[in-house]
Structures are given as C-alpha cells and as structure tokens.
Amino acid sequence: MALREFGEIIETRGDKAVVRIFRSESCEECSSKGSCPLSVTKKWEVEVENTLSAEVGERVELELGSGAYLASGFIVFILPIILMLVFYLIANQIFKSSLSPLFSFVGLLAGMMVAFLFNRGKGARRFEFRMIEKHE
C-alpha cells in the first residue's frame, strides 16, 4: 500500500514543483507519526517532478510507495548494525584480540557512510513523492 497525500502547488521551477503537504486526519492513526515531519510542523514542503503540468495554487495528489519506507528504514537503521556485527566477527576471527570492538565501530561507521552516500546518490530518487493526479 502506497502513502498518498494531498498538497497545494506553491511554486514551480521548470519541470519541478514545490508542493505544501498538510497534515491529514489519517496522521493521528499512523504508527510513524512521532518521526514524521508533519507531526512537528503541521506542513511539509517537498519538491516533485511536475508530470501533470500543475500551476501554482492547484491541489494535487502525491504518492510514495510503501516499499520506499521499508527500504529506507533498512538502509538507515539495519544495514549499519549488520555491518557492525560482520566487522566484529571478521576481526575476531582474524585478530583474536581486543581490537574486535574497534572494528565493529568501523563497521558501524561504514554502514552510516553507505546510508549517507545512498541518500546523496541516484538511489534516493526511489524515495521521492510522485505527482499522480490533480484535484479541484
């Protein structure tokens, strides 16, 4: 199930549009409301591809696939922990000394770096909203 939100175009920049998303009633029942930008600011501005040629002031519906939530959660939270454990086990087998915790920390940092680079690279496009419909 994909996340769908409604918003209003507040600015256009070439083939992009800035959409202000307002908090909806479904936010109260959401399990992620504590970590969502809408829970703090009550409004959220995102830049999306203007595939519908929407103009400033028009209301649009945006969609973010549910797979994007799972994948981003894995990359940001789980991958660094997995790399931390892998680095610890490898260091423990190779060195058999007290250096293993240091290598586990290096693994954690490597996982965080992978998440950072993924966020900056082309993979981050998977986690962007896309405009799917105009509304009156």
C-alpha atoms as a PDB file:
ATOM      1  CA  MET A   1       0.000   0.000   0.000  1.00  0.00           C
ATOM      2  CA  ALA A   2       1.404   3.359  -1.012  1.00  0.00           C
ATOM      3  CA  LEU A   3       1.353   6.515   1.056  1.00  0.00           C
ATOM      4  CA  ARG A   4      -0.861   9.132  -0.588  1.00  0.00           C
ATOM      5  CA  GLU A   5      -1.010  12.757   0.443  1.00  0.00           C
ATOM      6  CA  PHE A   6      -2.741  15.854  -0.870  1.00  0.00           C
ATOM      7  CA  GLY A   7      -0.987  19.140  -1.249  1.00  0.00           C
ATOM      8  CA  GLU A   8      -1.019  22.501  -2.945  1.00  0.00           C
ATOM      9  CA  ILE A   9       1.491  23.756  -5.505  1.00  0.00           C
ATOM     10  CA  ILE A  10       3.229  26.799  -4.023  1.00  0.00           C
ATOM     11  CA  GLU A  11       5.993  27.235  -6.606  1.00  0.00           C
ATOM     12  CA  THR A  12       7.104  25.869  -9.967  1.00  0.00           C
ATOM     13  CA  ARG A  13      10.723  25.622 -11.100  1.00  0.00           C
ATOM     14  CA  GLY A  14      10.980  24.379 -14.669  1.00  0.00           C
ATOM     15  CA  ASP A  15       9.900  20.737 -14.681  1.00  0.00           C
ATOM     16  CA  LYS A  16       9.701  20.661 -10.852  1.00  0.00           C
ATOM     17  CA  ALA A  17       7.017  21.859  -8.462  1.00  0.00           C
ATOM     18  CA  VAL A  18       7.155  22.633  -4.754  1.00  0.00           C
ATOM     19  CA  VAL A  19       4.125  21.128  -3.016  1.00  0.00           C
ATOM     20  CA  ARG A  20       2.997  22.014   0.504  1.00  0.00           C
ATOM     21  CA  ILE A  21       1.523  18.924   2.147  1.00  0.00           C
ATOM     22  CA  PHE A  22      -0.812  19.496   5.070  1.00  0.00           C
ATOM     23  CA  ARG A  23      -1.414  17.123   7.947  1.00  0.00           C
ATOM     24  CA  SER A  24      -4.476  14.922   7.380  1.00  0.00           C
ATOM     25  CA  GLU A  25      -6.843  13.069   9.722  1.00  0.00           C
ATOM     26  CA  SER A  26      -5.107   9.765   8.965  1.00  0.00           C
ATOM     27  CA  CYS A  27      -1.966  11.124  10.631  1.00  0.00           C
ATOM     28  CA  GLU A  28      -3.499  10.571  14.076  1.00  0.00           C
ATOM     29  CA  GLU A  29      -3.681   6.809  13.491  1.00  0.00           C
ATOM     30  CA  CYS A  30      -0.276   6.457  11.844  1.00  0.00           C
ATOM     31  CA  SER A  31       2.345   4.427  13.722  1.00  0.00           C
ATOM     32  CA  SER A  32       5.131   6.703  12.399  1.00  0.00           C
ATOM     33  CA  LYS A  33       3.611   9.987  13.498  1.00  0.00           C
ATOM     34  CA  GLY A  34       6.358  10.560  16.072  1.00  0.00           C
ATOM     35  CA  SER A  35       9.081  10.614  13.411  1.00  0.00           C
ATOM     36  CA  CYS A  36       7.128  12.278  10.616  1.00  0.00           C
ATOM     37  CA  PRO A  37       7.937  15.872   9.613  1.00  0.00           C
ATOM     38  CA  LEU A  38       4.205  16.635   9.611  1.00  0.00           C
ATOM     39  CA  SER A  39       3.876  15.844  13.315  1.00  0.00           C
ATOM     40  CA  VAL A  40       6.184  18.724  14.182  1.00  0.00           C
ATOM     41  CA  THR A  41       5.478  21.400  11.575  1.00  0.00           C
ATOM     42  CA  LYS A  42       1.873  20.573  10.526  1.00  0.00           C
ATOM     43  CA  LYS A  43       3.002  21.335   6.958  1.00  0.00           C
ATOM     44  CA  TRP A  44       5.688  19.864   4.804  1.00  0.00           C
ATOM     45  CA  GLU A  45       7.129  21.152   1.553  1.00  0.00           C
ATOM     46  CA  VAL A  46       8.500  18.693  -0.992  1.00  0.00           C
ATOM     47  CA  GLU A  47       9.882  19.144  -4.485  1.00  0.00           C
ATOM     48  CA  VAL A  48       8.455  16.742  -7.075  1.00  0.00           C
ATOM     49  CA  GLU A  49       8.569  16.327 -10.826  1.00  0.00           C
ATOM     50  CA  ASN A  50       5.695  18.313 -12.298  1.00  0.00           C
ATOM     51  CA  THR A  51       4.450  15.482 -14.528  1.00  0.00           C
ATOM     52  CA  LEU A  52       0.899  16.906 -14.630  1.00  0.00           C
ATOM     53  CA  SER A  53       1.938  20.465 -15.605  1.00  0.00           C
ATOM     54  CA  ALA A  54       0.230  21.767 -12.472  1.00  0.00           C
ATOM     55  CA  GLU A  55       0.230  25.509 -11.787  1.00  0.00           C
ATOM     56  CA  VAL A  56       0.683  27.455  -8.561  1.00  0.00           C
ATOM     57  CA  GLY A  57      -2.432  27.176  -6.372  1.00  0.00           C
ATOM     58  CA  GLU A  58      -3.636  23.851  -7.768  1.00  0.00           C
ATOM     59  CA  ARG A  59      -4.205  20.890  -5.466  1.00  0.00           C
ATOM     60  CA  VAL A  60      -2.514  17.611  -6.365  1.00  0.00           C
ATOM     61  CA  GLU A  61      -2.292  14.095  -5.010  1.00  0.00           C
ATOM     62  CA  LEU A  62       1.164  12.701  -4.319  1.00  0.00           C
ATOM     63  CA  GLU A  63       2.232   9.106  -3.821  1.00  0.00           C
ATOM     64  CA  LEU A  64       5.180   7.406  -2.150  1.00  0.00           C
ATOM     65  CA  GLY A  65       5.435   3.631  -2.466  1.00  0.00           C
ATOM     66  CA  SER A  66       5.354   1.614   0.756  1.00  0.00           C
ATOM     67  CA  GLY A  67       8.454  -0.253  -0.366  1.00  0.00           C
ATOM     68  CA  ALA A  68      10.357   3.001  -0.113  1.00  0.00           C
ATOM     69  CA  TYR A  69       9.625   3.187   3.631  1.00  0.00           C
ATOM     70  CA  LEU A  70      10.850  -0.343   4.228  1.00  0.00           C
ATOM     71  CA  ALA A  71      13.962   0.072   2.103  1.00  0.00           C
ATOM     72  CA  SER A  72      14.917   3.415   3.642  1.00  0.00           C
ATOM     73  CA  GLY A  73      14.405   2.034   7.156  1.00  0.00           C
ATOM     74  CA  PHE A  74      16.622  -0.928   6.326  1.00  0.00           C
ATOM     75  CA  ILE A  75      19.379   1.246   4.839  1.00  0.00           C
ATOM     76  CA  VAL A  76      19.381   3.779   7.667  1.00  0.00           C
ATOM     77  CA  PHE A  77      18.840   1.528  10.708  1.00  0.00           C
ATOM     78  CA  ILE A  78      19.514  -2.131   9.940  1.00  0.00           C
ATOM     79  CA  LEU A  79      22.415  -2.053   7.472  1.00  0.00           C
ATOM     80  CA  PRO A  80      24.807  -0.212   9.858  1.00  0.00           C
ATOM     81  CA  ILE A  81      24.073  -2.750  12.621  1.00  0.00           C
ATOM     82  CA  ILE A  82      24.602  -5.680  10.258  1.00  0.00           C
ATOM     83  CA  LEU A  83      27.929  -4.224   9.099  1.00  0.00           C
ATOM     84  CA  MET A  84      28.927  -3.606  12.718  1.00  0.00           C
ATOM     85  CA  LEU A  85      28.344  -7.285  13.556  1.00  0.00           C
ATOM     86  CA  VAL A  86      30.060  -8.530  10.388  1.00  0.00           C
ATOM     87  CA  PHE A  87      33.137  -6.372  11.022  1.00  0.00           C
ATOM     88  CA  TYR A  88      33.257  -7.592  14.636  1.00  0.00           C
ATOM     89  CA  LEU A  89      33.063 -11.263  13.643  1.00  0.00           C
ATOM     90  CA  ILE A  90      35.686 -10.892  10.905  1.00  0.00           C
ATOM     91  CA  ALA A  91      38.060  -9.007  13.219  1.00  0.00           C
ATOM     92  CA  ASN A  92      37.504 -11.567  15.962  1.00  0.00           C
ATOM     93  CA  GLN A  93      38.429 -14.410  13.577  1.00  0.00           C
ATOM     94  CA  ILE A  94      41.474 -12.660  12.123  1.00  0.00           C
ATOM     95  CA  PHE A  95      42.992 -10.908  15.150  1.00  0.00           C
ATOM     96  CA  LYS A  96      41.532 -12.831  18.118  1.00  0.00           C
ATOM     97  CA  SER A  97      42.246  -9.807  20.273  1.00  0.00           C
ATOM     98  CA  SER A  98      40.637  -6.830  21.886  1.00  0.00           C
ATOM     99  CA  LEU A  99      40.610  -4.987  18.534  1.00  0.00           C
ATOM    100  CA  SER A 100      37.258  -6.527  17.598  1.00  0.00           C
ATOM    101  CA  PRO A 101      35.148  -3.778  19.244  1.00  0.00           C
ATOM    102  CA  LEU A 102      37.153  -1.144  17.391  1.00  0.00           C
ATOM    103  CA  PHE A 103      36.494  -2.902  14.089  1.00  0.00           C
ATOM    104  CA  SER A 104      32.789  -3.197  14.944  1.00  0.00           C
ATOM    105  CA  PHE A 105      32.724   0.591  15.350  1.00  0.00           C
ATOM    106  CA  VAL A 106      34.421   0.926  11.951  1.00  0.00           C
ATOM    107  CA  GLY A 107      31.678  -1.320  10.516  1.00  0.00           C
ATOM    108  CA  LEU A 108      29.015   0.882  12.061  1.00  0.00           C
ATOM    109  CA  LEU A 109      30.622   3.970  10.520  1.00  0.00           C
ATOM    110  CA  ALA A 110      30.854   2.173   7.157  1.00  0.00           C
ATOM    111  CA  GLY A 111      27.120   1.414   7.311  1.00  0.00           C
ATOM    112  CA  MET A 112      26.339   5.021   8.126  1.00  0.00           C
ATOM    113  CA  MET A 113      28.522   6.144   5.226  1.00  0.00           C
ATOM    114  CA  VAL A 114      26.686   3.785   2.849  1.00  0.00           C
ATOM    115  CA  ALA A 115      23.360   5.265   4.019  1.00  0.00           C
ATOM    116  CA  PHE A 116      24.690   8.798   3.537  1.00  0.00           C
ATOM    117  CA  LEU A 117      26.032   8.071   0.052  1.00  0.00           C
ATOM    118  CA  PHE A 118      22.823   6.310  -0.943  1.00  0.00           C
ATOM    119  CA  ASN A 119      20.851   9.357   0.179  1.00  0.00           C
ATOM    120  CA  ARG A 120      23.051  11.621  -1.941  1.00  0.00           C
ATOM    121  CA  GLY A 121      23.124   9.362  -4.989  1.00  0.00           C
ATOM    122  CA  LYS A 122      20.672   8.110  -7.562  1.00  0.00           C
ATOM    123  CA  GLY A 123      19.167   5.610  -5.131  1.00  0.00           C
ATOM    124  CA  ALA A 124      17.478   8.430  -3.241  1.00  0.00           C
ATOM    125  CA  ARG A 125      15.155   9.068  -6.196  1.00  0.00           C
ATOM    126  CA  ARG A 126      13.300   5.902  -5.231  1.00  0.00           C
ATOM    127  CA  PHE A 127      12.168   7.666  -2.077  1.00  0.00           C
ATOM    128  CA  GLU A 128      10.636  10.732  -3.669  1.00  0.00           C
ATOM    129  CA  PHE A 129       6.966  11.532  -3.921  1.00  0.00           C
ATOM    130  CA  ARG A 130       5.484  11.490  -7.397  1.00  0.00           C
ATOM    131  CA  MET A 131       2.544  13.527  -8.614  1.00  0.00           C
ATOM    132  CA  ILE A 132      -0.339  11.277  -9.669  1.00  0.00           C
ATOM    133  CA  GLU A 133      -3.487  13.394 -10.004  1.00  0.00           C
ATOM    134  CA  LYS A 134      -4.821  16.973  -9.977  1.00  0.00           C
ATOM    135  CA  HIS A 135      -7.783  17.854  -7.733  1.00  0.00           C
ATOM    136  CA  GLU A 136     -10.204  20.776  -7.702  1.00  0.00           C
END
